[in-house]
Amino acid sequence: MKKFTLDARNMPCPRPLLMTKEALEKGGFTHLEIRLNNRAARENVLRYLAKTGYGNIDCPEQADGQGEWLLSLEVGVGAVLPAGEPEGELTLPVSNGGTLLLGVDRIGRGDDTLGALLMKGFIYTLSQRESAPANLILMNSGVRLACEDSESLNDLAVLEGKGCRLLVCGTCLDYLKLSEKRRAGTVSNMYEITSVLMENPDTITMT
């Protein structure tokens, strides 16, 4: 038996799920163990595995009572991810050739720390898709995502590497005094942004 262990403790969603998916795609082992200490991550990983055809998954809570779980999975001779993508998992409403406009640097209203964490997870998940949107437009506070100190810079670089055109509103950068701090994307203008939006009527907007 060749065992492979993933330590996904202290990892925010959806990283534990994506780590699991990546490990199964790479293969080379017959037994997978995943260490988790986030209940939401545990449920997401279990649901993902169940929907991709893996059964008889053992995932007991550890005896120390610290809210940690050890997921144990037999995958046969060399891990091979079953064919097909599970419905409802890792699917964002953006397909290759689509356009996404982010007018904010966080998701939702309420707790700003939570909102920033959700946006970070959203962009990371978007970067892990096989296909990237054709255009990602950053406006208003959304331009902060492309500036220094942004925790999403690496993920934006991945998206650009997949052919995504990252347009960063120049007026917004100037107004927020961030022009010198931009580290990703291309400075754009309202004419170009408007043209892209008019050419892509199915644009998804988050403001």
Protein backbone atom coordinates (compact mmCIF):
# COMPACT_ATOMS: atom_id res chain seq x y z
CA MET A 1 0.00 0.00 0.00
CA LYS A 2 1.35 3.41 -0.96
CA LYS A 3 -0.07 6.15 1.24
CA PHE A 4 -0.25 9.86 0.52
CA THR A 5 -1.12 12.39 3.24
CA LEU A 6 -2.50 15.89 2.74
CA ASP A 7 -2.28 18.32 5.63
CA ALA A 8 -5.16 20.71 4.95
CA ARG A 9 -5.41 22.03 8.50
CA ASN A 10 -5.86 25.79 8.85
CA MET A 11 -6.62 26.03 5.13
CA PRO A 12 -9.63 28.23 4.22
CA CYS A 13 -12.25 26.90 1.82
CA PRO A 14 -11.99 25.92 -0.95
CA ARG A 15 -8.28 25.06 -0.69
CA PRO A 16 -8.71 21.66 1.04
CA LEU A 17 -11.16 20.57 -1.69
CA LEU A 18 -8.88 21.78 -4.48
CA MET A 19 -5.86 20.11 -2.87
CA THR A 20 -7.80 16.85 -2.75
CA LYS A 21 -8.84 17.17 -6.40
CA GLU A 22 -5.26 17.92 -7.48
CA ALA A 23 -3.85 14.97 -5.54
CA LEU A 24 -6.34 12.54 -7.07
CA GLU A 25 -5.64 13.86 -10.56
CA LYS A 26 -1.89 13.40 -10.13
CA GLY A 27 -2.28 9.92 -8.61
CA GLY A 28 0.55 7.57 -7.75
CA PHE A 29 -0.83 6.20 -4.49
CA THR A 30 -3.39 3.68 -3.28
CA HIS A 31 -4.41 5.26 0.02
CA LEU A 32 -5.18 8.92 0.72
CA GLU A 33 -5.30 10.57 4.12
CA ILE A 34 -6.45 14.17 4.60
CA ARG A 35 -6.06 16.04 7.87
CA LEU A 36 -8.69 18.74 8.41
CA ASN A 37 -9.66 21.09 11.23
CA ASN A 38 -12.37 23.09 9.49
CA ARG A 39 -15.87 21.64 9.63
CA ALA A 40 -17.01 23.36 6.42
CA ALA A 41 -13.92 22.07 4.59
CA ARG A 42 -14.61 18.57 5.90
CA GLU A 43 -18.17 18.63 4.56
CA ASN A 44 -17.07 20.05 1.19
CA VAL A 45 -14.35 17.42 0.71
CA LEU A 46 -16.68 14.57 1.70
CA ARG A 47 -19.42 15.82 -0.65
CA TYR A 48 -16.92 16.22 -3.49
CA LEU A 49 -15.57 12.69 -3.04
CA ALA A 50 -19.05 11.21 -2.83
CA LYS A 51 -20.13 12.97 -6.02
CA THR A 52 -17.04 11.83 -7.89
CA GLY A 53 -17.78 8.20 -7.11
CA TYR A 54 -15.72 7.43 -4.04
CA GLY A 55 -17.55 5.58 -1.28
CA ASN A 56 -16.82 4.05 2.10
CA ILE A 57 -14.96 7.11 3.29
CA ASP A 58 -13.80 7.06 6.89
CA CYS A 59 -13.54 10.50 8.50
CA PRO A 60 -13.70 10.30 12.31
CA GLU A 61 -13.12 13.23 14.61
CA GLN A 62 -9.82 12.88 16.42
CA ALA A 63 -9.86 11.84 20.06
CA ASP A 64 -8.14 14.99 21.31
CA GLY A 65 -11.39 16.92 20.94
CA GLN A 66 -9.70 19.83 19.17
CA GLY A 67 -12.04 19.76 16.19
CA GLU A 68 -9.72 17.86 13.88
CA TRP A 69 -10.65 15.08 11.46
CA LEU A 70 -8.63 12.45 9.65
CA LEU A 71 -10.19 11.45 6.34
CA SER A 72 -9.07 8.04 5.09
CA LEU A 73 -9.76 6.88 1.55
CA GLU A 74 -8.82 3.78 -0.42
CA VAL A 75 -8.38 4.67 -4.08
CA GLY A 76 -7.20 1.40 -5.59
CA VAL A 77 -4.10 0.85 -7.68
CA GLY A 78 -2.93 4.41 -8.25
CA ALA A 79 -5.29 7.28 -7.64
CA VAL A 80 -7.36 8.17 -10.66
CA LEU A 81 -10.07 10.80 -10.47
CA PRO A 82 -13.33 9.28 -11.81
CA ALA A 83 -14.49 10.72 -15.11
CA GLY A 84 -16.75 13.73 -15.01
CA GLU A 85 -16.95 16.79 -12.80
CA PRO A 86 -19.44 16.60 -9.92
CA GLU A 87 -22.36 18.94 -10.30
CA GLY A 88 -22.34 21.80 -7.85
CA GLU A 89 -18.61 21.60 -7.10
CA LEU A 90 -15.88 23.92 -8.37
CA THR A 91 -18.31 25.47 -10.82
CA LEU A 92 -18.41 29.23 -11.15
CA PRO A 93 -20.83 31.14 -13.37
CA VAL A 94 -18.03 32.09 -15.74
CA SER A 95 -17.03 30.07 -18.78
CA ASN A 96 -14.11 30.49 -21.12
CA GLY A 97 -14.83 33.58 -23.20
CA GLY A 98 -16.96 35.21 -20.52
CA THR A 99 -16.45 38.52 -18.73
CA LEU A 100 -16.44 39.20 -15.00
CA LEU A 101 -16.58 42.68 -13.49
CA LEU A 102 -15.49 43.14 -9.88
CA GLY A 103 -16.43 46.54 -8.48
CA VAL A 104 -15.46 45.57 -4.92
CA ASP A 105 -12.54 43.98 -3.12
CA ARG A 106 -14.76 41.85 -0.89
CA ILE A 107 -17.95 39.84 -1.19
CA GLY A 108 -21.19 40.77 0.50
CA ARG A 109 -22.16 43.29 3.16
CA GLY A 110 -21.64 42.84 6.85
CA ASP A 111 -18.31 41.71 8.22
CA ASP A 112 -15.51 43.22 6.13
CA THR A 113 -12.94 40.64 7.23
CA LEU A 114 -15.24 37.83 6.15
CA GLY A 115 -16.00 39.62 2.89
CA ALA A 116 -12.28 39.95 2.09
CA LEU A 117 -11.73 36.27 2.90
CA LEU A 118 -14.57 35.26 0.58
CA MET A 119 -13.18 37.36 -2.27
CA LYS A 120 -9.73 35.86 -1.79
CA GLY A 121 -11.24 32.36 -1.96
CA PHE A 122 -13.33 33.27 -4.99
CA ILE A 123 -10.39 34.54 -7.03
CA TYR A 124 -8.26 31.57 -5.98
CA THR A 125 -10.98 29.14 -7.05
CA LEU A 126 -11.41 31.01 -10.33
CA SER A 127 -7.67 30.66 -10.96
CA GLN A 128 -7.84 26.91 -10.41
CA ARG A 129 -10.43 26.32 -13.12
CA GLU A 130 -9.20 24.66 -16.28
CA SER A 131 -10.57 27.58 -18.29
CA ALA A 132 -10.39 31.24 -17.36
CA PRO A 133 -12.74 34.10 -18.27
CA ALA A 134 -11.69 36.07 -21.32
CA ASN A 135 -11.92 39.34 -19.38
CA LEU A 136 -11.68 40.28 -15.72
CA ILE A 137 -12.43 43.95 -15.06
CA LEU A 138 -11.53 45.63 -11.77
CA MET A 139 -13.25 48.91 -10.86
CA ASN A 140 -13.81 51.05 -7.76
CA SER A 141 -12.39 49.27 -4.70
CA GLY A 142 -11.92 46.16 -6.83
CA VAL A 143 -8.68 47.67 -8.16
CA ARG A 144 -7.12 47.01 -4.73
CA LEU A 145 -7.00 43.33 -5.70
CA ALA A 146 -4.35 44.15 -8.32
CA CYS A 147 -2.19 46.30 -6.04
CA GLU A 148 0.74 45.53 -3.77
CA ASP A 149 -0.16 43.80 -0.50
CA SER A 150 -3.11 42.10 -2.20
CA GLU A 151 -3.26 38.43 -1.26
CA SER A 152 -4.73 37.68 -4.70
CA LEU A 153 -1.77 38.81 -6.83
CA ASN A 154 -0.47 35.27 -7.45
CA ASP A 155 -3.93 34.05 -8.41
CA LEU A 156 -4.42 36.98 -10.79
CA ALA A 157 -1.07 36.12 -12.38
CA VAL A 158 -2.31 32.56 -12.90
CA LEU A 159 -5.44 33.87 -14.59
CA GLU A 160 -3.40 36.12 -16.88
CA GLY A 161 -1.20 33.16 -17.70
CA LYS A 162 -4.29 31.31 -18.88
CA GLY A 163 -5.13 34.09 -21.31
CA CYS A 164 -7.46 36.18 -19.16
CA ARG A 165 -7.29 39.89 -19.99
CA LEU A 166 -7.13 41.78 -16.68
CA LEU A 167 -8.30 45.38 -17.05
CA VAL A 168 -7.76 47.74 -14.11
CA CYS A 169 -9.66 51.03 -14.09
CA GLY A 170 -7.16 53.91 -14.32
CA THR A 171 -9.59 56.50 -12.93
CA CYS A 172 -10.18 54.29 -9.90
CA LEU A 173 -6.45 53.84 -9.32
CA ASP A 174 -5.90 57.60 -9.50
CA TYR A 175 -8.82 58.43 -7.20
CA LEU A 176 -7.68 55.92 -4.58
CA LYS A 177 -4.04 57.01 -5.00
CA LEU A 178 -3.00 53.50 -5.98
CA SER A 179 -1.52 54.13 -9.44
CA GLU A 180 2.03 53.47 -8.24
CA LYS A 181 1.00 50.35 -6.36
CA ARG A 182 -0.55 48.38 -9.22
CA ARG A 183 1.20 45.03 -9.63
CA ALA A 184 -1.12 43.13 -11.99
CA GLY A 185 -3.21 43.74 -15.07
CA THR A 186 -3.34 46.56 -17.59
CA VAL A 187 -4.45 50.09 -16.78
CA SER A 188 -7.66 50.66 -18.71
CA ASN A 189 -10.17 53.42 -19.33
CA MET A 190 -13.93 53.79 -19.44
CA TYR A 191 -14.03 53.65 -23.25
CA GLU A 192 -12.25 50.29 -23.39
CA ILE A 193 -14.18 48.90 -20.44
CA THR A 194 -17.50 50.01 -21.92
CA SER A 195 -16.58 48.42 -25.25
CA VAL A 196 -15.74 45.11 -23.59
CA LEU A 197 -18.98 45.15 -21.59
CA MET A 198 -21.10 45.95 -24.66
CA GLU A 199 -19.44 43.14 -26.58
CA ASN A 200 -20.17 40.72 -23.74
CA PRO A 201 -23.84 41.10 -22.72
CA ASP A 202 -23.60 38.09 -20.41
CA THR A 203 -21.09 39.82 -18.15
CA ILE A 204 -21.27 38.83 -14.50
CA THR A 205 -21.01 41.80 -12.13
CA MET A 206 -20.10 41.84 -8.46
CA THR A 207 -20.52 45.27 -6.84
